[in-house]
Structure formats: C-alpha cells, structure tokens
Amino acid sequence: MSSVGFPGDLDVLVADFGVPVVFAGAPAGLLGIEDVAGLDVFAVTELPRVSATDRTVLVKTSALAAFGGIDAALTVDGVAYVARDVLLAPPDGAYTVIALQNA
C-alpha cells in the first residue's frame, strides 16, 4: 500500500460514492468506498488466460469497533465477502482498508 496520504476530507467522497457495508455490530448506514483492481495473468498451459480481481473497501476506522478482523464475514454493496487483511490507511489511520475475498 502506498504511503501517500489522502488529500482533503474523505467523508465527502464516502457520502457521494459510498456503498453499504454490513457486518455483525456495524453502525447503521455504514458506507465504504469499494475498489476493484483487475489482474490478467497470461499462462502457457492449457488455459490461455486467467483473470483475477483484488477487491478492497475503505471504511472509517471508528466504525470498526465491533468488526471481527481477518476471516470476519461482511457484505459490501450486497455481495458477501470475508476479510483477508485489515490495514490502517495513511496518513493518520482515520480510515481502514479491508482486503476482501468472496465468501
């Protein structure tokens, strides 16, 4: 993850582009910013191409008091996931990035 900080207030960005994030004990109406980074892997085997995606969601750290951490179940925009990793976002840790894996 980059060490570059976020310019300005992410609350505005979350309000405009956030999607619902739900987990056991989550605050009502919790929103996060979902990010999908695509990856194409070319293979020299029988499979001509393998495609994968890395998904993350950015949420306010203060909303994660009841979050179970790695292997915890959550839904992002109605899709079920489990947390693969949990990382504080620079520069101040006010937001957390949760790496997602399909449930």
N, C-alpha and C. Protein backbone atom coordinates (compact mmCIF):
# COMPACT_ATOMS: atom_id res chain seq x y z
N MET A 1 0.84 -1.17 0.00
CA MET A 1 0.00 0.00 0.00
C MET A 1 0.89 1.24 0.00
N SER A 2 0.46 2.23 -0.70
CA SER A 2 1.23 3.46 -0.83
C SER A 2 1.25 4.23 0.47
N SER A 3 2.32 4.98 0.68
CA SER A 3 2.41 5.80 1.88
C SER A 3 1.90 7.22 1.62
N VAL A 4 1.34 7.45 0.45
CA VAL A 4 0.82 8.78 0.11
C VAL A 4 -0.48 8.99 0.86
N GLY A 5 -0.63 10.14 1.51
CA GLY A 5 -1.83 10.45 2.27
C GLY A 5 -2.99 10.84 1.38
N PHE A 6 -4.17 10.93 1.98
CA PHE A 6 -5.37 11.34 1.26
C PHE A 6 -5.50 12.85 1.30
N PRO A 7 -5.75 13.47 0.15
CA PRO A 7 -5.95 14.92 0.16
C PRO A 7 -7.37 15.25 0.60
N GLY A 8 -7.53 16.10 1.57
CA GLY A 8 -8.86 16.56 1.95
C GLY A 8 -9.63 15.57 2.81
N ASP A 9 -10.92 15.82 2.88
CA ASP A 9 -11.82 15.07 3.75
C ASP A 9 -12.47 13.93 2.99
N LEU A 10 -12.20 12.69 3.39
CA LEU A 10 -12.80 11.54 2.72
C LEU A 10 -14.28 11.39 3.02
N ASP A 11 -14.78 12.03 4.07
CA ASP A 11 -16.21 11.94 4.38
C ASP A 11 -17.06 12.38 3.19
N VAL A 12 -16.61 13.41 2.49
CA VAL A 12 -17.34 13.91 1.33
C VAL A 12 -17.35 12.86 0.23
N LEU A 13 -16.21 12.25 -0.02
CA LEU A 13 -16.10 11.21 -1.04
C LEU A 13 -16.97 10.01 -0.69
N VAL A 14 -16.95 9.59 0.57
CA VAL A 14 -17.76 8.45 1.00
C VAL A 14 -19.24 8.77 0.86
N ALA A 15 -19.64 9.97 1.20
CA ALA A 15 -21.05 10.36 1.09
C ALA A 15 -21.52 10.32 -0.36
N ASP A 16 -20.65 10.71 -1.29
CA ASP A 16 -21.03 10.74 -2.70
C ASP A 16 -20.94 9.39 -3.39
N PHE A 17 -19.92 8.60 -3.06
CA PHE A 17 -19.65 7.38 -3.81
C PHE A 17 -19.67 6.11 -2.96
N GLY A 18 -20.03 6.23 -1.70
CA GLY A 18 -20.00 5.08 -0.80
C GLY A 18 -21.08 4.06 -1.12
N VAL A 19 -20.79 2.81 -0.77
CA VAL A 19 -21.74 1.71 -0.90
C VAL A 19 -21.96 1.12 0.49
N PRO A 20 -23.11 0.48 0.72
CA PRO A 20 -23.38 -0.08 2.05
C PRO A 20 -22.39 -1.18 2.44
N VAL A 21 -21.93 -1.10 3.70
CA VAL A 21 -21.04 -2.11 4.28
C VAL A 21 -21.73 -2.62 5.54
N VAL A 22 -21.91 -3.95 5.62
CA VAL A 22 -22.64 -4.55 6.73
C VAL A 22 -21.83 -5.69 7.33
N PHE A 23 -21.73 -5.70 8.66
CA PHE A 23 -21.13 -6.82 9.38
C PHE A 23 -21.78 -6.84 10.76
N ALA A 24 -21.60 -7.93 11.49
CA ALA A 24 -22.18 -8.04 12.82
C ALA A 24 -21.69 -6.89 13.70
N GLY A 25 -22.60 -6.10 14.22
CA GLY A 25 -22.26 -4.98 15.08
C GLY A 25 -21.93 -3.69 14.35
N ALA A 26 -22.08 -3.68 13.02
CA ALA A 26 -21.77 -2.47 12.23
C ALA A 26 -22.77 -1.36 12.54
N PRO A 27 -22.31 -0.11 12.56
CA PRO A 27 -23.23 1.00 12.74
C PRO A 27 -24.23 1.05 11.58
N ALA A 28 -25.46 1.41 11.87
CA ALA A 28 -26.48 1.51 10.83
C ALA A 28 -26.06 2.55 9.80
N GLY A 29 -26.25 2.22 8.53
CA GLY A 29 -25.95 3.16 7.46
C GLY A 29 -24.48 3.31 7.13
N LEU A 30 -23.63 2.38 7.58
CA LEU A 30 -22.20 2.46 7.31
C LEU A 30 -21.95 2.39 5.80
N LEU A 31 -21.14 3.33 5.31
CA LEU A 31 -20.77 3.36 3.90
C LEU A 31 -19.26 3.20 3.77
N GLY A 32 -18.84 2.61 2.66
CA GLY A 32 -17.42 2.47 2.36
C GLY A 32 -17.20 2.66 0.87
N ILE A 33 -15.96 2.88 0.50
CA ILE A 33 -15.58 3.02 -0.90
C ILE A 33 -14.99 1.69 -1.35
N GLU A 34 -15.67 1.04 -2.30
CA GLU A 34 -15.18 -0.24 -2.82
C GLU A 34 -14.21 0.04 -3.96
N ASP A 35 -13.13 -0.73 -4.01
CA ASP A 35 -12.13 -0.59 -5.06
C ASP A 35 -11.87 -1.97 -5.65
N VAL A 36 -11.83 -2.04 -6.97
CA VAL A 36 -11.58 -3.30 -7.66
C VAL A 36 -10.39 -3.08 -8.58
N ALA A 37 -9.33 -3.81 -8.34
CA ALA A 37 -8.15 -3.76 -9.20
C ALA A 37 -8.10 -5.06 -9.99
N GLY A 38 -8.17 -4.97 -11.29
CA GLY A 38 -8.16 -6.16 -12.13
C GLY A 38 -6.75 -6.63 -12.43
N LEU A 39 -6.62 -7.93 -12.69
CA LEU A 39 -5.33 -8.51 -13.00
C LEU A 39 -5.55 -9.61 -14.03
N ASP A 40 -4.84 -9.53 -15.14
CA ASP A 40 -4.87 -10.60 -16.14
C ASP A 40 -3.54 -11.31 -16.11
N VAL A 41 -3.60 -12.63 -15.98
CA VAL A 41 -2.39 -13.43 -15.95
C VAL A 41 -2.39 -14.32 -17.19
N PHE A 42 -1.39 -14.17 -18.03
CA PHE A 42 -1.29 -15.00 -19.23
C PHE A 42 -0.52 -16.26 -18.87
N ALA A 43 -1.05 -17.38 -19.28
CA ALA A 43 -0.43 -18.66 -18.95
C ALA A 43 0.03 -19.36 -20.23
N VAL A 44 0.98 -20.23 -20.09
CA VAL A 44 1.46 -21.00 -21.24
C VAL A 44 1.01 -22.46 -21.12
N THR A 45 -0.04 -22.68 -20.33
CA THR A 45 -0.59 -24.03 -20.18
C THR A 45 -1.83 -24.14 -21.03
N GLU A 46 -2.68 -25.10 -20.71
CA GLU A 46 -3.91 -25.29 -21.48
C GLU A 46 -4.84 -24.08 -21.36
N LEU A 47 -4.78 -23.37 -20.24
CA LEU A 47 -5.63 -22.20 -20.05
C LEU A 47 -4.94 -20.99 -20.67
N PRO A 48 -5.56 -20.39 -21.67
CA PRO A 48 -4.90 -19.27 -22.34
C PRO A 48 -4.81 -18.01 -21.49
N ARG A 49 -5.75 -17.83 -20.58
CA ARG A 49 -5.73 -16.61 -19.77
C ARG A 49 -6.47 -16.87 -18.46
N VAL A 50 -5.92 -16.36 -17.38
CA VAL A 50 -6.58 -16.41 -16.09
C VAL A 50 -6.83 -14.98 -15.66
N SER A 51 -8.02 -14.70 -15.20
CA SER A 51 -8.36 -13.34 -14.79
C SER A 51 -8.70 -13.35 -13.31
N ALA A 52 -8.23 -12.36 -12.59
CA ALA A 52 -8.50 -12.28 -11.15
C ALA A 52 -8.73 -10.82 -10.77
N THR A 53 -9.37 -10.62 -9.67
CA THR A 53 -9.56 -9.26 -9.16
C THR A 53 -9.19 -9.20 -7.70
N ASP A 54 -8.67 -8.07 -7.30
CA ASP A 54 -8.41 -7.78 -5.89
C ASP A 54 -9.44 -6.74 -5.49
N ARG A 55 -10.21 -7.04 -4.47
CA ARG A 55 -11.23 -6.11 -4.00
C ARG A 55 -10.88 -5.62 -2.61
N THR A 56 -11.11 -4.34 -2.39
CA THR A 56 -10.94 -3.76 -1.07
C THR A 56 -12.10 -2.82 -0.81
N VAL A 57 -12.30 -2.50 0.45
CA VAL A 57 -13.27 -1.48 0.83
C VAL A 57 -12.60 -0.59 1.88
N LEU A 58 -12.80 0.70 1.72
CA LEU A 58 -12.25 1.71 2.62
C LEU A 58 -13.37 2.19 3.53
N VAL A 59 -13.20 2.05 4.84
CA VAL A 59 -14.22 2.48 5.81
C VAL A 59 -13.57 3.27 6.94
N LYS A 60 -14.39 4.06 7.63
CA LYS A 60 -13.88 4.80 8.77
C LYS A 60 -13.44 3.83 9.87
N THR A 61 -12.25 4.02 10.38
CA THR A 61 -11.72 3.16 11.42
C THR A 61 -12.62 3.18 12.66
N SER A 62 -13.17 4.32 12.99
CA SER A 62 -14.02 4.44 14.18
C SER A 62 -15.28 3.59 14.09
N ALA A 63 -15.69 3.18 12.87
CA ALA A 63 -16.89 2.36 12.69
C ALA A 63 -16.60 0.88 12.85
N LEU A 64 -15.34 0.51 13.08
CA LEU A 64 -14.95 -0.89 13.10
C LEU A 64 -14.77 -1.48 14.50
N ALA A 65 -15.27 -0.82 15.50
CA ALA A 65 -15.10 -1.29 16.89
C ALA A 65 -15.57 -2.74 17.06
N ALA A 66 -16.65 -3.12 16.41
CA ALA A 66 -17.19 -4.47 16.56
C ALA A 66 -16.76 -5.42 15.44
N PHE A 67 -15.93 -4.95 14.52
CA PHE A 67 -15.52 -5.77 13.38
C PHE A 67 -14.60 -6.88 13.85
N GLY A 68 -14.80 -8.08 13.33
CA GLY A 68 -14.07 -9.26 13.78
C GLY A 68 -12.67 -9.42 13.22
N GLY A 69 -12.24 -8.57 12.29
CA GLY A 69 -10.90 -8.66 11.73
C GLY A 69 -10.79 -9.71 10.63
N ILE A 70 -9.59 -10.26 10.48
CA ILE A 70 -9.34 -11.24 9.42
C ILE A 70 -10.26 -12.43 9.58
N ASP A 71 -10.82 -12.89 8.48
CA ASP A 71 -11.78 -14.00 8.38
C ASP A 71 -13.19 -13.63 8.82
N ALA A 72 -13.43 -12.37 9.17
CA ALA A 72 -14.78 -11.94 9.54
C ALA A 72 -15.64 -11.81 8.28
N ALA A 73 -16.92 -12.13 8.42
CA ALA A 73 -17.87 -12.01 7.31
C ALA A 73 -18.39 -10.58 7.23
N LEU A 74 -18.57 -10.11 5.99
CA LEU A 74 -19.17 -8.80 5.76
C LEU A 74 -19.78 -8.78 4.37
N THR A 75 -20.69 -7.85 4.14
CA THR A 75 -21.22 -7.64 2.81
C THR A 75 -20.88 -6.22 2.39
N VAL A 76 -20.55 -6.08 1.12
CA VAL A 76 -20.24 -4.79 0.53
C VAL A 76 -21.12 -4.64 -0.69
N ASP A 77 -21.99 -3.66 -0.65
CA ASP A 77 -22.94 -3.42 -1.75
C ASP A 77 -23.74 -4.68 -2.08
N GLY A 78 -24.09 -5.44 -1.02
CA GLY A 78 -24.94 -6.61 -1.17
C GLY A 78 -24.22 -7.90 -1.52
N VAL A 79 -22.90 -7.88 -1.67
CA VAL A 79 -22.12 -9.07 -2.02
C VAL A 79 -21.39 -9.56 -0.77
N ALA A 80 -21.47 -10.88 -0.51
CA ALA A 80 -20.86 -11.47 0.69
C ALA A 80 -19.36 -11.70 0.48
N TYR A 81 -18.58 -11.30 1.49
CA TYR A 81 -17.12 -11.46 1.48
C TYR A 81 -16.66 -11.92 2.86
N VAL A 82 -15.39 -12.32 2.92
CA VAL A 82 -14.68 -12.46 4.18
C VAL A 82 -13.45 -11.56 4.09
N ALA A 83 -13.03 -11.05 5.23
CA ALA A 83 -11.87 -10.16 5.26
C ALA A 83 -10.59 -10.97 5.14
N ARG A 84 -9.74 -10.62 4.19
CA ARG A 84 -8.43 -11.26 4.02
C ARG A 84 -7.35 -10.54 4.81
N ASP A 85 -7.48 -9.21 4.90
CA ASP A 85 -6.49 -8.41 5.60
C ASP A 85 -7.15 -7.11 6.02
N VAL A 86 -6.62 -6.48 7.05
CA VAL A 86 -7.14 -5.22 7.56
C VAL A 86 -5.95 -4.29 7.77
N LEU A 87 -5.97 -3.14 7.08
CA LEU A 87 -4.83 -2.22 7.08
C LEU A 87 -5.28 -0.80 7.37
N LEU A 88 -4.61 -0.13 8.31
CA LEU A 88 -4.89 1.28 8.54
C LEU A 88 -4.40 2.06 7.34
N ALA A 89 -5.21 3.01 6.88
CA ALA A 89 -4.85 3.82 5.72
C ALA A 89 -4.04 5.04 6.18
N PRO A 90 -2.96 5.34 5.47
CA PRO A 90 -2.18 6.52 5.82
C PRO A 90 -2.96 7.79 5.50
N PRO A 91 -2.68 8.94 6.02
CA PRO A 91 -1.53 9.19 6.88
C PRO A 91 -1.84 9.03 8.35
N ASP A 92 -3.11 9.04 8.75
CA ASP A 92 -3.42 9.11 10.18
C ASP A 92 -4.22 7.94 10.71
N GLY A 93 -4.57 6.97 9.87
CA GLY A 93 -5.33 5.81 10.32
C GLY A 93 -6.80 6.08 10.57
N ALA A 94 -7.32 7.23 10.13
CA ALA A 94 -8.73 7.54 10.32
C ALA A 94 -9.62 6.62 9.48
N TYR A 95 -9.03 6.05 8.43
CA TYR A 95 -9.74 5.10 7.58
C TYR A 95 -8.96 3.80 7.57
N THR A 96 -9.68 2.71 7.33
CA THR A 96 -9.09 1.38 7.25
C THR A 96 -9.46 0.76 5.91
N VAL A 97 -8.50 0.06 5.32
CA VAL A 97 -8.73 -0.68 4.09
C VAL A 97 -8.88 -2.15 4.46
N ILE A 98 -9.97 -2.76 4.02
CA ILE A 98 -10.21 -4.19 4.26
C ILE A 98 -10.09 -4.89 2.92
N ALA A 99 -9.13 -5.83 2.82
CA ALA A 99 -8.99 -6.65 1.63
C ALA A 99 -10.05 -7.75 1.68
N LEU A 100 -10.74 -7.96 0.56
CA LEU A 100 -11.91 -8.84 0.52
C LEU A 100 -11.65 -10.10 -0.28
N GLN A 101 -12.32 -11.17 0.13
CA GLN A 101 -12.33 -12.42 -0.63
C GLN A 101 -13.78 -12.88 -0.70
N ASN A 102 -14.21 -13.36 -1.86
CA ASN A 102 -15.59 -13.85 -1.97
C ASN A 102 -15.87 -14.93 -0.93
N ALA A 103 -17.05 -14.85 -0.35
CA ALA A 103 -17.44 -15.81 0.69
C ALA A 103 -17.82 -17.14 0.06
